N, C-alpha and C. Protein backbone atom coordinates (compact mmCIF):
# COMPACT_ATOMS: atom_id res chain seq x y z
N MET A 1 50.49 47.77 -62.04
CA MET A 1 50.34 46.40 -62.55
C MET A 1 48.90 45.94 -62.36
N ASN A 2 48.32 45.35 -63.38
CA ASN A 2 46.91 44.97 -63.37
C ASN A 2 46.68 43.74 -62.49
N GLN A 3 45.62 43.80 -61.69
CA GLN A 3 45.23 42.63 -60.91
C GLN A 3 44.55 41.61 -61.81
N LEU A 4 44.73 40.35 -61.48
CA LEU A 4 43.99 39.31 -62.18
C LEU A 4 42.51 39.42 -61.80
N THR A 5 41.65 39.05 -62.71
CA THR A 5 40.22 39.14 -62.47
C THR A 5 39.67 37.79 -62.01
N ARG A 6 38.47 37.84 -61.46
CA ARG A 6 37.82 36.61 -61.02
C ARG A 6 37.58 35.66 -62.19
N ASP A 7 37.20 36.20 -63.33
CA ASP A 7 36.95 35.37 -64.50
C ASP A 7 38.22 34.64 -64.95
N GLU A 8 39.38 35.29 -64.83
CA GLU A 8 40.63 34.65 -65.22
C GLU A 8 40.96 33.47 -64.31
N LEU A 9 40.50 33.53 -63.07
CA LEU A 9 40.82 32.48 -62.10
C LEU A 9 39.74 31.42 -61.98
N ALA A 10 38.57 31.66 -62.57
CA ALA A 10 37.46 30.70 -62.50
C ALA A 10 37.61 29.63 -63.57
N ARG A 11 38.76 28.99 -63.59
CA ARG A 11 39.06 27.97 -64.59
C ARG A 11 39.70 26.77 -63.89
N ASP A 12 39.98 25.74 -64.66
CA ASP A 12 40.57 24.53 -64.10
C ASP A 12 41.89 24.86 -63.39
N PRO A 13 42.10 24.32 -62.20
CA PRO A 13 43.33 24.62 -61.46
C PRO A 13 44.61 24.30 -62.23
N LEU A 14 44.58 23.31 -63.10
CA LEU A 14 45.78 22.99 -63.89
C LEU A 14 46.14 24.14 -64.83
N TRP A 15 45.13 24.76 -65.41
CA TRP A 15 45.37 25.92 -66.28
C TRP A 15 45.80 27.12 -65.46
N VAL A 16 45.09 27.37 -64.36
CA VAL A 16 45.40 28.53 -63.52
C VAL A 16 46.80 28.43 -62.94
N ALA A 17 47.22 27.23 -62.57
CA ALA A 17 48.55 27.06 -61.98
C ALA A 17 49.64 27.60 -62.92
N ARG A 18 49.57 27.23 -64.17
CA ARG A 18 50.58 27.69 -65.12
C ARG A 18 50.44 29.18 -65.40
N ARG A 19 49.20 29.69 -65.35
CA ARG A 19 48.98 31.13 -65.55
C ARG A 19 49.59 31.94 -64.40
N LEU A 20 49.59 31.39 -63.21
CA LEU A 20 50.09 32.12 -62.06
C LEU A 20 51.60 32.29 -62.05
N LEU A 21 52.31 31.43 -62.74
CA LEU A 21 53.77 31.56 -62.78
C LEU A 21 54.15 32.89 -63.42
N GLY A 22 54.97 33.65 -62.73
CA GLY A 22 55.36 34.97 -63.20
C GLY A 22 54.50 36.09 -62.66
N CYS A 23 53.33 35.74 -62.10
CA CYS A 23 52.46 36.76 -61.50
C CYS A 23 53.07 37.21 -60.17
N GLU A 24 52.63 38.38 -59.70
CA GLU A 24 53.12 38.93 -58.45
C GLU A 24 52.01 38.92 -57.39
N LEU A 25 52.37 38.47 -56.21
CA LEU A 25 51.46 38.51 -55.07
C LEU A 25 52.01 39.55 -54.10
N ARG A 26 51.19 40.55 -53.80
CA ARG A 26 51.62 41.66 -52.96
C ARG A 26 50.80 41.70 -51.68
N SER A 27 51.49 41.85 -50.55
CA SER A 27 50.83 41.91 -49.25
C SER A 27 51.21 43.21 -48.55
N ASP A 28 50.20 44.01 -48.22
CA ASP A 28 50.40 45.28 -47.51
C ASP A 28 49.95 45.12 -46.07
N GLY A 29 50.82 45.50 -45.14
CA GLY A 29 50.48 45.41 -43.73
C GLY A 29 50.96 46.63 -42.98
N PRO A 30 50.72 46.67 -41.67
CA PRO A 30 51.10 47.84 -40.88
C PRO A 30 52.60 48.10 -40.85
N ASP A 31 53.40 47.05 -41.06
CA ASP A 31 54.86 47.24 -41.05
C ASP A 31 55.46 47.37 -42.43
N GLY A 32 54.63 47.41 -43.48
CA GLY A 32 55.13 47.61 -44.83
C GLY A 32 54.58 46.61 -45.82
N ALA A 33 55.14 46.63 -47.01
CA ALA A 33 54.68 45.77 -48.11
C ALA A 33 55.79 44.83 -48.56
N VAL A 34 55.38 43.63 -48.94
CA VAL A 34 56.28 42.66 -49.57
C VAL A 34 55.57 42.11 -50.80
N ALA A 35 56.30 41.98 -51.90
CA ALA A 35 55.75 41.38 -53.12
C ALA A 35 56.68 40.29 -53.60
N VAL A 36 56.10 39.21 -54.09
CA VAL A 36 56.88 38.11 -54.63
C VAL A 36 56.42 37.78 -56.04
N ARG A 37 57.35 37.35 -56.86
CA ARG A 37 57.05 36.80 -58.18
C ARG A 37 56.92 35.30 -58.04
N LEU A 38 55.77 34.75 -58.39
CA LEU A 38 55.51 33.32 -58.18
C LEU A 38 56.32 32.47 -59.17
N VAL A 39 57.02 31.46 -58.62
CA VAL A 39 57.86 30.61 -59.47
C VAL A 39 57.57 29.12 -59.29
N GLU A 40 56.68 28.77 -58.35
CA GLU A 40 56.34 27.36 -58.17
C GLU A 40 54.95 27.25 -57.57
N VAL A 41 54.13 26.39 -58.15
CA VAL A 41 52.73 26.23 -57.72
C VAL A 41 52.32 24.76 -57.86
N GLU A 42 51.19 24.41 -57.21
CA GLU A 42 50.63 23.07 -57.32
C GLU A 42 49.12 23.16 -57.48
N ALA A 43 48.58 22.40 -58.40
CA ALA A 43 47.14 22.40 -58.65
C ALA A 43 46.45 21.31 -57.83
N TYR A 44 45.25 21.66 -57.32
CA TYR A 44 44.41 20.72 -56.59
C TYR A 44 42.97 20.91 -57.03
N ARG A 45 42.31 19.81 -57.31
CA ARG A 45 40.90 19.86 -57.63
C ARG A 45 40.10 19.54 -56.37
N GLY A 46 38.90 19.01 -56.52
CA GLY A 46 38.05 18.79 -55.35
C GLY A 46 37.69 17.34 -55.15
N THR A 47 36.45 16.98 -55.44
CA THR A 47 35.96 15.65 -55.12
C THR A 47 36.54 14.56 -56.02
N ASP A 48 37.26 14.94 -57.09
CA ASP A 48 37.92 13.94 -57.94
C ASP A 48 39.42 13.90 -57.69
N ASP A 49 39.89 14.57 -56.64
CA ASP A 49 41.32 14.62 -56.32
C ASP A 49 41.52 14.16 -54.89
N PRO A 50 41.98 12.91 -54.68
CA PRO A 50 42.11 12.37 -53.32
C PRO A 50 43.15 13.08 -52.47
N ALA A 51 43.99 13.92 -53.06
CA ALA A 51 44.96 14.68 -52.28
C ALA A 51 44.43 16.04 -51.86
N SER A 52 43.18 16.33 -52.17
CA SER A 52 42.59 17.64 -51.89
C SER A 52 41.88 17.67 -50.55
N HIS A 53 41.90 18.82 -49.89
CA HIS A 53 41.14 19.00 -48.66
C HIS A 53 39.64 18.83 -48.90
N CYS A 54 39.19 18.98 -50.14
CA CYS A 54 37.76 18.92 -50.45
C CYS A 54 37.31 17.55 -50.95
N TYR A 55 38.18 16.59 -50.93
CA TYR A 55 37.86 15.29 -51.51
C TYR A 55 36.64 14.65 -50.85
N ARG A 56 36.48 14.87 -49.55
CA ARG A 56 35.36 14.26 -48.82
C ARG A 56 34.21 15.24 -48.60
N GLY A 57 34.23 16.36 -49.31
CA GLY A 57 33.12 17.29 -49.22
C GLY A 57 33.43 18.55 -48.45
N ARG A 58 32.42 19.38 -48.36
CA ARG A 58 32.57 20.71 -47.76
C ARG A 58 32.54 20.65 -46.24
N THR A 59 33.44 21.39 -45.62
CA THR A 59 33.50 21.52 -44.17
C THR A 59 33.70 22.99 -43.82
N GLU A 60 33.66 23.30 -42.54
CA GLU A 60 33.91 24.68 -42.12
C GLU A 60 35.33 25.09 -42.50
N ARG A 61 36.26 24.16 -42.41
CA ARG A 61 37.66 24.48 -42.70
C ARG A 61 37.88 24.81 -44.17
N ASN A 62 37.30 24.01 -45.08
CA ASN A 62 37.63 24.16 -46.50
C ASN A 62 36.60 24.97 -47.28
N ALA A 63 35.65 25.61 -46.60
CA ALA A 63 34.53 26.28 -47.28
C ALA A 63 35.00 27.30 -48.31
N VAL A 64 36.08 28.01 -48.02
CA VAL A 64 36.57 29.04 -48.96
C VAL A 64 36.95 28.42 -50.30
N MET A 65 37.41 27.18 -50.28
CA MET A 65 37.87 26.52 -51.49
C MET A 65 36.72 26.22 -52.46
N PHE A 66 35.47 26.32 -51.99
CA PHE A 66 34.31 26.10 -52.84
C PHE A 66 33.89 27.35 -53.59
N GLY A 67 34.67 28.40 -53.49
CA GLY A 67 34.44 29.60 -54.28
C GLY A 67 33.69 30.69 -53.55
N PRO A 68 33.56 31.81 -54.25
CA PRO A 68 33.95 32.05 -55.64
C PRO A 68 35.45 32.13 -55.84
N ALA A 69 35.87 32.08 -57.11
CA ALA A 69 37.28 32.12 -57.45
C ALA A 69 37.89 33.46 -57.04
N GLY A 70 39.21 33.46 -56.88
CA GLY A 70 39.93 34.69 -56.61
C GLY A 70 40.14 34.99 -55.15
N HIS A 71 39.65 34.11 -54.28
CA HIS A 71 39.86 34.31 -52.84
C HIS A 71 41.07 33.50 -52.36
N LEU A 72 41.56 33.90 -51.20
CA LEU A 72 42.72 33.23 -50.61
C LEU A 72 42.25 32.16 -49.64
N TYR A 73 42.75 30.94 -49.81
CA TYR A 73 42.47 29.84 -48.89
C TYR A 73 43.74 29.60 -48.08
N VAL A 74 43.66 29.85 -46.78
CA VAL A 74 44.81 29.72 -45.88
C VAL A 74 44.56 28.59 -44.90
N TYR A 75 45.54 27.71 -44.72
CA TYR A 75 45.38 26.66 -43.72
C TYR A 75 46.68 26.47 -42.95
N PHE A 76 46.56 25.86 -41.79
CA PHE A 76 47.66 25.64 -40.86
C PHE A 76 48.13 24.21 -40.99
N VAL A 77 49.44 23.99 -41.02
CA VAL A 77 49.96 22.66 -41.27
C VAL A 77 51.11 22.36 -40.30
N TYR A 78 51.24 21.09 -39.90
CA TYR A 78 52.30 20.62 -39.01
C TYR A 78 52.30 21.35 -37.66
N GLY A 79 51.21 22.04 -37.33
CA GLY A 79 51.13 22.73 -36.07
C GLY A 79 52.01 23.95 -35.95
N MET A 80 52.55 24.43 -37.11
CA MET A 80 53.47 25.56 -37.00
C MET A 80 53.50 26.48 -38.23
N HIS A 81 52.97 26.05 -39.37
CA HIS A 81 53.12 26.83 -40.60
C HIS A 81 51.76 27.11 -41.25
N PHE A 82 51.71 28.22 -41.98
CA PHE A 82 50.56 28.53 -42.82
C PHE A 82 50.92 28.27 -44.28
N CYS A 83 49.94 27.82 -45.05
CA CYS A 83 50.09 27.66 -46.49
C CYS A 83 48.96 28.44 -47.16
N ILE A 84 49.24 28.96 -48.37
CA ILE A 84 48.26 29.82 -49.03
C ILE A 84 47.94 29.30 -50.42
N ASN A 85 46.67 29.45 -50.79
CA ASN A 85 46.16 28.93 -52.05
C ASN A 85 45.27 29.96 -52.72
N VAL A 86 45.26 29.94 -54.04
CA VAL A 86 44.34 30.76 -54.82
C VAL A 86 43.17 29.89 -55.25
N VAL A 87 41.96 30.29 -54.89
CA VAL A 87 40.76 29.51 -55.22
C VAL A 87 40.42 29.67 -56.70
N CYS A 88 40.02 28.57 -57.34
CA CYS A 88 39.73 28.53 -58.77
C CYS A 88 38.30 28.02 -59.00
N LEU A 89 37.97 27.84 -60.27
CA LEU A 89 36.72 27.24 -60.72
C LEU A 89 35.50 28.09 -60.38
N GLN A 90 34.34 27.60 -60.77
CA GLN A 90 33.09 28.33 -60.58
C GLN A 90 32.63 28.22 -59.12
N ASP A 91 31.83 29.19 -58.70
CA ASP A 91 31.31 29.19 -57.35
C ASP A 91 30.57 27.89 -57.07
N GLY A 92 30.94 27.22 -55.99
CA GLY A 92 30.31 25.96 -55.62
C GLY A 92 31.09 24.74 -56.06
N VAL A 93 32.10 24.92 -56.92
CA VAL A 93 32.93 23.81 -57.39
C VAL A 93 34.33 23.99 -56.81
N PRO A 94 34.79 23.06 -55.97
CA PRO A 94 36.05 23.28 -55.27
C PRO A 94 37.28 23.08 -56.16
N GLY A 95 38.26 23.93 -55.94
CA GLY A 95 39.53 23.82 -56.63
C GLY A 95 40.44 24.96 -56.19
N ALA A 96 41.75 24.73 -56.17
CA ALA A 96 42.68 25.77 -55.75
C ALA A 96 44.08 25.46 -56.25
N VAL A 97 44.92 26.46 -56.19
CA VAL A 97 46.33 26.32 -56.53
C VAL A 97 47.16 26.71 -55.31
N LEU A 98 47.94 25.78 -54.82
CA LEU A 98 48.86 26.05 -53.72
C LEU A 98 50.05 26.85 -54.25
N LEU A 99 50.37 27.94 -53.56
CA LEU A 99 51.52 28.76 -53.94
C LEU A 99 52.73 28.24 -53.18
N ARG A 100 53.68 27.65 -53.91
CA ARG A 100 54.78 26.96 -53.27
C ARG A 100 56.04 27.80 -53.10
N ALA A 101 56.33 28.71 -54.02
CA ALA A 101 57.59 29.47 -53.91
C ALA A 101 57.53 30.74 -54.74
N GLY A 102 58.32 31.72 -54.34
CA GLY A 102 58.38 32.97 -55.07
C GLY A 102 59.72 33.66 -54.89
N GLU A 103 59.97 34.63 -55.72
CA GLU A 103 61.16 35.48 -55.63
C GLU A 103 60.72 36.84 -55.11
N VAL A 104 61.34 37.32 -54.05
CA VAL A 104 60.98 38.62 -53.48
C VAL A 104 61.40 39.72 -54.44
N VAL A 105 60.44 40.55 -54.87
CA VAL A 105 60.72 41.63 -55.82
C VAL A 105 60.48 43.00 -55.20
N GLU A 106 59.93 43.04 -54.00
CA GLU A 106 59.71 44.31 -53.29
C GLU A 106 59.67 44.02 -51.80
N GLY A 107 60.24 44.93 -51.01
CA GLY A 107 60.22 44.77 -49.56
C GLY A 107 61.20 43.75 -49.05
N ALA A 108 62.38 43.69 -49.67
CA ALA A 108 63.36 42.66 -49.30
C ALA A 108 63.81 42.78 -47.84
N ASP A 109 63.97 44.01 -47.34
CA ASP A 109 64.41 44.17 -45.95
C ASP A 109 63.38 43.61 -44.98
N LEU A 110 62.11 43.90 -45.24
CA LEU A 110 61.05 43.36 -44.39
C LEU A 110 60.99 41.85 -44.51
N ALA A 111 61.14 41.34 -45.72
CA ALA A 111 61.13 39.88 -45.93
C ALA A 111 62.27 39.23 -45.15
N ARG A 112 63.46 39.84 -45.17
CA ARG A 112 64.60 39.28 -44.43
C ARG A 112 64.35 39.29 -42.93
N SER A 113 63.69 40.34 -42.43
CA SER A 113 63.40 40.40 -41.00
C SER A 113 62.41 39.32 -40.59
N ARG A 114 61.55 38.90 -41.51
CA ARG A 114 60.59 37.84 -41.21
C ARG A 114 61.18 36.45 -41.39
N ARG A 115 62.27 36.36 -42.14
CA ARG A 115 62.92 35.08 -42.38
C ARG A 115 64.42 35.21 -42.12
N PRO A 116 64.82 35.50 -40.86
CA PRO A 116 66.24 35.73 -40.56
C PRO A 116 67.12 34.51 -40.76
N ALA A 117 66.53 33.32 -40.79
CA ALA A 117 67.33 32.11 -40.96
C ALA A 117 67.75 31.87 -42.40
N ALA A 118 67.15 32.59 -43.34
CA ALA A 118 67.49 32.40 -44.76
C ALA A 118 68.94 32.83 -45.00
N ARG A 119 69.71 31.96 -45.63
CA ARG A 119 71.12 32.25 -45.88
C ARG A 119 71.33 33.15 -47.08
N LYS A 120 70.35 33.16 -48.01
CA LYS A 120 70.42 34.05 -49.16
C LYS A 120 69.02 34.41 -49.59
N ASP A 121 68.90 35.49 -50.35
CA ASP A 121 67.58 35.99 -50.71
C ASP A 121 66.76 34.99 -51.50
N ALA A 122 67.41 34.13 -52.27
CA ALA A 122 66.67 33.15 -53.07
C ALA A 122 65.90 32.17 -52.18
N GLN A 123 66.29 32.06 -50.91
CA GLN A 123 65.64 31.13 -49.99
C GLN A 123 64.52 31.78 -49.17
N LEU A 124 64.34 33.08 -49.31
CA LEU A 124 63.36 33.78 -48.47
C LEU A 124 61.96 33.20 -48.60
N ALA A 125 61.55 32.93 -49.83
CA ALA A 125 60.18 32.43 -50.09
C ALA A 125 60.23 31.12 -50.85
N SER A 126 61.23 30.31 -50.56
CA SER A 126 61.41 29.03 -51.24
C SER A 126 60.73 27.92 -50.45
N GLY A 127 59.45 27.71 -50.73
CA GLY A 127 58.64 26.74 -50.01
C GLY A 127 57.36 27.42 -49.54
N PRO A 128 56.26 26.67 -49.43
CA PRO A 128 54.97 27.28 -49.13
C PRO A 128 54.90 27.99 -47.79
N ALA A 129 55.50 27.42 -46.74
CA ALA A 129 55.48 28.07 -45.43
C ALA A 129 56.33 29.33 -45.43
N ARG A 130 57.48 29.29 -46.08
CA ARG A 130 58.34 30.46 -46.17
C ARG A 130 57.67 31.57 -46.97
N LEU A 131 56.97 31.20 -48.03
CA LEU A 131 56.26 32.18 -48.85
C LEU A 131 55.21 32.91 -48.02
N ALA A 132 54.40 32.15 -47.28
CA ALA A 132 53.39 32.77 -46.43
C ALA A 132 54.04 33.64 -45.37
N GLY A 133 55.18 33.18 -44.83
CA GLY A 133 55.85 33.92 -43.77
C GLY A 133 56.38 35.27 -44.21
N VAL A 134 57.05 35.32 -45.35
CA VAL A 134 57.62 36.60 -45.79
C VAL A 134 56.52 37.59 -46.18
N LEU A 135 55.36 37.08 -46.58
CA LEU A 135 54.23 37.95 -46.91
C LEU A 135 53.40 38.34 -45.69
N GLY A 136 53.70 37.74 -44.54
CA GLY A 136 52.97 38.05 -43.32
C GLY A 136 51.55 37.54 -43.34
N ILE A 137 51.30 36.46 -44.08
CA ILE A 137 49.94 35.92 -44.20
C ILE A 137 49.70 34.86 -43.13
N THR A 138 48.57 35.00 -42.43
CA THR A 138 48.18 34.06 -41.38
C THR A 138 46.71 33.68 -41.56
N ARG A 139 46.19 32.95 -40.60
CA ARG A 139 44.80 32.48 -40.69
C ARG A 139 43.80 33.62 -40.85
N GLU A 140 44.11 34.79 -40.32
CA GLU A 140 43.17 35.92 -40.40
C GLU A 140 42.94 36.37 -41.84
N HIS A 141 43.81 35.97 -42.76
CA HIS A 141 43.66 36.35 -44.16
C HIS A 141 42.87 35.33 -44.97
N ASN A 142 42.43 34.26 -44.33
CA ASN A 142 41.63 33.26 -45.03
C ASN A 142 40.36 33.91 -45.59
N GLY A 143 40.13 33.76 -46.89
CA GLY A 143 38.96 34.33 -47.52
C GLY A 143 39.16 35.70 -48.14
N VAL A 144 40.33 36.29 -48.00
CA VAL A 144 40.61 37.60 -48.59
C VAL A 144 40.41 37.54 -50.11
N ASP A 145 39.81 38.58 -50.66
CA ASP A 145 39.56 38.65 -52.10
C ASP A 145 40.77 39.24 -52.81
N LEU A 146 41.51 38.41 -53.51
CA LEU A 146 42.73 38.84 -54.19
C LEU A 146 42.46 39.73 -55.39
N THR A 147 41.22 39.75 -55.86
CA THR A 147 40.89 40.52 -57.07
C THR A 147 40.36 41.92 -56.74
N SER A 148 40.16 42.23 -55.47
CA SER A 148 39.64 43.54 -55.08
C SER A 148 40.77 44.56 -55.00
N PRO A 149 40.59 45.77 -55.56
CA PRO A 149 41.64 46.79 -55.48
C PRO A 149 41.88 47.29 -54.07
N ASP A 150 40.92 47.06 -53.17
CA ASP A 150 41.05 47.49 -51.78
C ASP A 150 41.60 46.41 -50.86
N SER A 151 41.92 45.25 -51.41
CA SER A 151 42.38 44.13 -50.60
C SER A 151 43.80 44.36 -50.09
N PRO A 152 44.10 43.92 -48.86
CA PRO A 152 45.47 44.01 -48.36
C PRO A 152 46.42 43.05 -49.05
N ILE A 153 45.87 42.06 -49.75
CA ILE A 153 46.68 41.10 -50.51
C ILE A 153 46.12 41.05 -51.92
N ARG A 154 46.96 41.32 -52.90
CA ARG A 154 46.49 41.43 -54.28
C ARG A 154 47.35 40.57 -55.20
N LEU A 155 46.70 39.97 -56.18
CA LEU A 155 47.37 39.12 -57.15
C LEU A 155 47.39 39.85 -58.49
N CYS A 156 48.58 40.12 -58.99
CA CYS A 156 48.74 40.95 -60.18
C CYS A 156 49.44 40.19 -61.29
N ALA A 157 49.07 40.54 -62.51
CA ALA A 157 49.68 39.92 -63.68
C ALA A 157 51.09 40.45 -63.85
N GLY A 158 52.06 39.57 -63.91
CA GLY A 158 53.43 39.95 -64.20
C GLY A 158 53.77 39.59 -65.62
N ASP A 159 55.05 39.49 -65.91
CA ASP A 159 55.49 39.04 -67.22
C ASP A 159 55.20 37.55 -67.34
N GLN A 160 54.36 37.19 -68.29
CA GLN A 160 53.97 35.79 -68.43
C GLN A 160 55.17 34.93 -68.81
N VAL A 161 55.28 33.79 -68.15
CA VAL A 161 56.39 32.87 -68.39
C VAL A 161 56.13 32.07 -69.65
N ALA A 162 57.11 31.99 -70.52
CA ALA A 162 56.98 31.23 -71.76
C ALA A 162 56.80 29.75 -71.45
N GLU A 163 56.01 29.07 -72.26
CA GLU A 163 55.76 27.64 -72.05
C GLU A 163 57.05 26.83 -72.03
N ASP A 164 58.03 27.23 -72.82
CA ASP A 164 59.30 26.50 -72.87
C ASP A 164 60.08 26.62 -71.57
N ASP A 165 59.71 27.60 -70.73
CA ASP A 165 60.42 27.81 -69.47
C ASP A 165 59.67 27.24 -68.28
N ILE A 166 58.59 26.52 -68.53
CA ILE A 166 57.80 25.91 -67.46
C ILE A 166 58.07 24.41 -67.41
N ARG A 167 58.30 23.90 -66.22
CA ARG A 167 58.48 22.47 -66.01
C ARG A 167 57.37 21.96 -65.09
N SER A 168 57.05 20.68 -65.21
CA SER A 168 56.00 20.07 -64.39
C SER A 168 56.49 18.76 -63.81
N GLY A 169 55.95 18.41 -62.65
CA GLY A 169 56.32 17.15 -62.01
C GLY A 169 55.36 16.82 -60.88
N PRO A 170 55.65 15.76 -60.10
CA PRO A 170 54.75 15.32 -59.03
C PRO A 170 54.60 16.37 -57.94
N ARG A 171 53.46 16.32 -57.28
CA ARG A 171 53.23 17.20 -56.15
C ARG A 171 54.08 16.77 -54.95
N VAL A 172 54.23 17.68 -53.99
CA VAL A 172 55.15 17.46 -52.87
C VAL A 172 54.38 17.16 -51.59
N GLY A 173 54.83 16.15 -50.86
CA GLY A 173 54.35 15.94 -49.50
C GLY A 173 52.97 15.33 -49.35
N VAL A 174 52.35 14.85 -50.43
CA VAL A 174 51.05 14.20 -50.31
C VAL A 174 51.23 12.69 -50.37
N SER A 175 50.34 11.96 -49.72
CA SER A 175 50.48 10.50 -49.67
C SER A 175 49.53 9.78 -50.59
N THR A 176 48.67 10.52 -51.32
CA THR A 176 47.81 9.94 -52.33
C THR A 176 47.91 10.77 -53.59
N ALA A 177 47.69 10.13 -54.73
CA ALA A 177 47.80 10.80 -56.03
C ALA A 177 49.11 11.57 -56.14
N MET A 178 50.16 11.01 -55.57
CA MET A 178 51.42 11.73 -55.46
C MET A 178 52.20 11.80 -56.77
N ASP A 179 51.85 10.96 -57.74
CA ASP A 179 52.60 10.95 -58.99
C ASP A 179 51.98 11.80 -60.09
N LEU A 180 50.85 12.42 -59.82
CA LEU A 180 50.27 13.31 -60.82
C LEU A 180 51.19 14.52 -61.03
N PRO A 181 51.50 14.85 -62.27
CA PRO A 181 52.43 15.96 -62.54
C PRO A 181 51.73 17.32 -62.46
N TRP A 182 51.17 17.63 -61.30
CA TRP A 182 50.36 18.84 -61.13
C TRP A 182 51.12 19.95 -60.41
N ARG A 183 52.40 19.79 -60.24
CA ARG A 183 53.26 20.86 -59.73
C ARG A 183 53.99 21.48 -60.92
N SER A 184 53.99 22.80 -60.98
CA SER A 184 54.65 23.51 -62.08
C SER A 184 55.61 24.55 -61.52
N TRP A 185 56.70 24.77 -62.23
CA TRP A 185 57.69 25.74 -61.75
C TRP A 185 58.44 26.38 -62.91
N VAL A 186 59.08 27.51 -62.61
CA VAL A 186 59.87 28.23 -63.61
C VAL A 186 61.26 27.63 -63.66
N ASP A 187 61.61 27.12 -64.79
CA ASP A 187 62.91 26.48 -64.96
C ASP A 187 64.02 27.48 -64.70
N GLY A 188 64.99 27.08 -63.88
CA GLY A 188 66.16 27.91 -63.62
C GLY A 188 66.04 28.84 -62.43
N SER A 189 64.87 28.99 -61.85
CA SER A 189 64.72 29.87 -60.69
C SER A 189 65.36 29.22 -59.46
N GLU A 190 66.19 29.97 -58.76
CA GLU A 190 66.85 29.47 -57.56
C GLU A 190 65.89 29.37 -56.37
N SER A 191 64.70 29.96 -56.51
CA SER A 191 63.75 29.96 -55.40
C SER A 191 62.81 28.76 -55.42
N VAL A 192 62.83 27.95 -56.47
CA VAL A 192 62.01 26.75 -56.51
C VAL A 192 62.43 25.83 -55.37
N SER A 193 61.46 25.29 -54.64
CA SER A 193 61.77 24.47 -53.47
C SER A 193 62.31 23.11 -53.86
N ALA A 194 62.99 22.47 -52.92
CA ALA A 194 63.53 21.13 -53.15
C ALA A 194 62.39 20.13 -53.19
N TYR A 195 62.45 19.17 -54.13
CA TYR A 195 61.40 18.17 -54.25
C TYR A 195 61.57 17.09 -53.18
N ARG A 196 60.47 16.80 -52.48
CA ARG A 196 60.44 15.70 -51.51
C ARG A 196 59.18 14.89 -51.77
N ARG A 197 59.39 13.65 -52.09
CA ARG A 197 58.25 12.78 -52.36
C ARG A 197 57.43 12.58 -51.11
N GLY A 198 56.10 12.52 -51.26
CA GLY A 198 55.21 12.33 -50.12
C GLY A 198 55.26 10.91 -49.61
N GLY A 199 54.62 10.68 -48.48
CA GLY A 199 54.59 9.36 -47.89
C GLY A 199 53.75 9.33 -46.64
N ARG A 200 53.84 8.25 -45.90
CA ARG A 200 52.96 8.03 -44.76
C ARG A 200 53.12 9.10 -43.69
N ARG A 201 54.32 9.62 -43.50
CA ARG A 201 54.54 10.56 -42.40
C ARG A 201 54.07 11.96 -42.73
N ARG A 202 53.64 12.20 -43.97
CA ARG A 202 53.21 13.54 -44.35
C ARG A 202 51.70 13.64 -44.38
N ILE A 203 51.19 14.87 -44.36
CA ILE A 203 49.75 15.05 -44.34
C ILE A 203 49.13 14.54 -45.64
N ARG A 204 47.86 14.18 -45.56
CA ARG A 204 47.18 13.63 -46.73
C ARG A 204 46.97 14.65 -47.82
N ALA A 205 46.72 15.88 -47.44
CA ALA A 205 46.30 16.86 -48.45
C ALA A 205 47.04 18.16 -48.29
N ARG A 206 47.15 18.88 -49.40
CA ARG A 206 47.80 20.17 -49.41
C ARG A 206 46.82 21.32 -49.61
N ALA A 207 45.78 21.12 -50.37
CA ALA A 207 44.84 22.22 -50.60
C ALA A 207 43.45 21.68 -50.81
């Protein structure tokens, strides 16, 4: 399966988000490989998006999000979970797509061992923290180049999802710009996470 190229990802996060639906993210580690088919994503821009980690400028934490495109931006949330994003746009211009949910298509036994609380396979990677967990992605993977053939984590083109099968709606868990319809998902997938509107008790930004 062909990996996505940097040029394909160096575009507006809203476009990239829809392109990522149906793509496969594969993670190879010492205990084996897990691959998921992406079924839910959220777009985030930079200084024009108040829900973005980059809204107030570049910091040590968000530096990866400023490019180049095709790298993995990993951050820690709620003191217990990792979330993963695909960096977009041109080098120096911040933007990313949060990967919210996927369907496990390879390495199901390993995925189940990493998510023993899941009651069924459709729940293994249903939500951003669960997705990162089944793939074994942690802070050490921040900055990994998803477009490199030698990368332990690779983003590959899958069967592209038809536009008629894509739905869009508000982003999840943000307390600003929460009504922008920048979350996209594959209609009918059981792995799409439950929608929860953001508010004061949730973090300000997702990516």
